[in-house]
Amino acid sequence: MSDSRRLTYFFSCYFHQDWNVDDPDWQSVVRNFRGETTPDEVAATAKDIRTLLSAADSEAELEQHFFRTFGCY
């Protein structure tokens, strides 16, 4: 899976608009992802997140990216 598809999958499927109804906190969301995904995909997703965070110029840029690109909340 490509970097952008992997991040889109993670954020839109696990941090969708009702994520806090399904899970009590973000840590639970991540635990669910880890339990439902292969270790290789978890590691690749973590690497992609670190790359995304290091490339952003500001929190505002990240916020817009998360909402527009990944559809997460």
C-alpha atoms as a PDB file:
ATOM      1  CA  MET A   1       0.000   0.000   0.000  1.00  0.00           C
ATOM      2  CA  SER A   2       1.347   3.453  -0.836  1.00  0.00           C
ATOM      3  CA  ASP A   3       2.126   6.063   1.818  1.00  0.00           C
ATOM      4  CA  SER A   4      -0.853   8.246   1.016  1.00  0.00           C
ATOM      5  CA  ARG A   5      -3.286   5.328   0.785  1.00  0.00           C
ATOM      6  CA  ARG A   6      -1.979   3.926   4.063  1.00  0.00           C
ATOM      7  CA  LEU A   7      -2.450   7.242   5.875  1.00  0.00           C
ATOM      8  CA  THR A   8      -5.852   7.816   4.281  1.00  0.00           C
ATOM      9  CA  TYR A   9      -6.932   4.364   5.439  1.00  0.00           C
ATOM     10  CA  PHE A  10      -5.642   4.876   8.983  1.00  0.00           C
ATOM     11  CA  PHE A  11      -7.060   8.336   9.559  1.00  0.00           C
ATOM     12  CA  SER A  12     -10.367   8.019   7.725  1.00  0.00           C
ATOM     13  CA  CYS A  13     -11.184   4.533   9.033  1.00  0.00           C
ATOM     14  CA  TYR A  14      -9.968   4.887  12.601  1.00  0.00           C
ATOM     15  CA  PHE A  15     -10.289   8.620  13.320  1.00  0.00           C
ATOM     16  CA  HIS A  16     -13.611   9.176  11.547  1.00  0.00           C
ATOM     17  CA  GLN A  17     -16.145  11.704  12.844  1.00  0.00           C
ATOM     18  CA  ASP A  18     -17.531   9.276  15.468  1.00  0.00           C
ATOM     19  CA  TRP A  19     -14.257   7.835  16.700  1.00  0.00           C
ATOM     20  CA  ASN A  20     -14.815   9.181  20.194  1.00  0.00           C
ATOM     21  CA  VAL A  21     -18.211   7.429  20.341  1.00  0.00           C
ATOM     22  CA  ASP A  22     -16.630   4.097  19.419  1.00  0.00           C
ATOM     23  CA  ASP A  23     -13.591   4.502  21.677  1.00  0.00           C
ATOM     24  CA  PRO A  24     -12.954   6.444  24.888  1.00  0.00           C
ATOM     25  CA  ASP A  25      -9.641   7.963  23.778  1.00  0.00           C
ATOM     26  CA  TRP A  26      -7.144   8.099  20.924  1.00  0.00           C
ATOM     27  CA  GLN A  27      -4.986   5.436  22.567  1.00  0.00           C
ATOM     28  CA  SER A  28      -7.855   2.943  22.248  1.00  0.00           C
ATOM     29  CA  VAL A  29      -8.214   3.806  18.575  1.00  0.00           C
ATOM     30  CA  VAL A  30      -4.526   3.093  18.014  1.00  0.00           C
ATOM     31  CA  ARG A  31      -4.777  -0.172  19.980  1.00  0.00           C
ATOM     32  CA  ASN A  32      -7.673  -1.244  17.743  1.00  0.00           C
ATOM     33  CA  PHE A  33      -5.646  -0.417  14.642  1.00  0.00           C
ATOM     34  CA  ARG A  34      -2.697  -2.415  15.950  1.00  0.00           C
ATOM     35  CA  GLY A  35      -4.941  -5.371  16.757  1.00  0.00           C
ATOM     36  CA  GLU A  36      -6.518  -5.408  13.302  1.00  0.00           C
ATOM     37  CA  THR A  37      -3.414  -4.734  11.192  1.00  0.00           C
ATOM     38  CA  THR A  38      -0.216  -6.640  10.460  1.00  0.00           C
ATOM     39  CA  PRO A  39       2.919  -5.575  12.333  1.00  0.00           C
ATOM     40  CA  ASP A  40       4.543  -4.543   9.035  1.00  0.00           C
ATOM     41  CA  GLU A  41       1.624  -2.243   8.196  1.00  0.00           C
ATOM     42  CA  VAL A  42       1.642  -0.775  11.717  1.00  0.00           C
ATOM     43  CA  ALA A  43       5.352   0.010  11.403  1.00  0.00           C
ATOM     44  CA  ALA A  44       4.917   1.478   7.912  1.00  0.00           C
ATOM     45  CA  THR A  45       1.983   3.616   9.065  1.00  0.00           C
ATOM     46  CA  ALA A  46       3.983   4.903  12.043  1.00  0.00           C
ATOM     47  CA  LYS A  47       6.847   5.807   9.701  1.00  0.00           C
ATOM     48  CA  ASP A  48       4.444   7.596   7.341  1.00  0.00           C
ATOM     49  CA  ILE A  49       2.989   9.586  10.256  1.00  0.00           C
ATOM     50  CA  ARG A  50       6.468  10.646  11.401  1.00  0.00           C
ATOM     51  CA  THR A  51       7.295  11.743   7.846  1.00  0.00           C
ATOM     52  CA  LEU A  52       4.075  13.723   7.579  1.00  0.00           C
ATOM     53  CA  LEU A  53       4.662  15.441  10.918  1.00  0.00           C
ATOM     54  CA  SER A  54       8.240  16.372  10.083  1.00  0.00           C
ATOM     55  CA  ALA A  55       7.231  17.821   6.698  1.00  0.00           C
ATOM     56  CA  ALA A  56       4.533  20.147   8.042  1.00  0.00           C
ATOM     57  CA  ASP A  57       5.347  23.806   8.536  1.00  0.00           C
ATOM     58  CA  SER A  58       2.702  24.419  11.198  1.00  0.00           C
ATOM     59  CA  GLU A  59      -0.063  22.827  13.227  1.00  0.00           C
ATOM     60  CA  ALA A  60      -2.604  24.727  11.136  1.00  0.00           C
ATOM     61  CA  GLU A  61      -1.207  23.126   7.985  1.00  0.00           C
ATOM     62  CA  LEU A  62      -1.435  19.694   9.581  1.00  0.00           C
ATOM     63  CA  GLU A  63      -4.980  20.314  10.743  1.00  0.00           C
ATOM     64  CA  GLN A  64      -6.103  21.287   7.252  1.00  0.00           C
ATOM     65  CA  HIS A  65      -4.302  18.291   5.798  1.00  0.00           C
ATOM     66  CA  PHE A  66      -5.992  15.907   8.234  1.00  0.00           C
ATOM     67  CA  PHE A  67      -9.464  17.313   7.532  1.00  0.00           C
ATOM     68  CA  ARG A  68      -9.171  17.706   3.771  1.00  0.00           C
ATOM     69  CA  THR A  69      -6.988  14.793   2.767  1.00  0.00           C
ATOM     70  CA  PHE A  70      -7.754  12.133   5.325  1.00  0.00           C
ATOM     71  CA  GLY A  71     -11.270  13.030   6.429  1.00  0.00           C
ATOM     72  CA  CYS A  72     -10.402  12.535  10.071  1.00  0.00           C
ATOM     73  CA  TYR A  73     -11.533  14.391  13.141  1.00  0.00           C
END
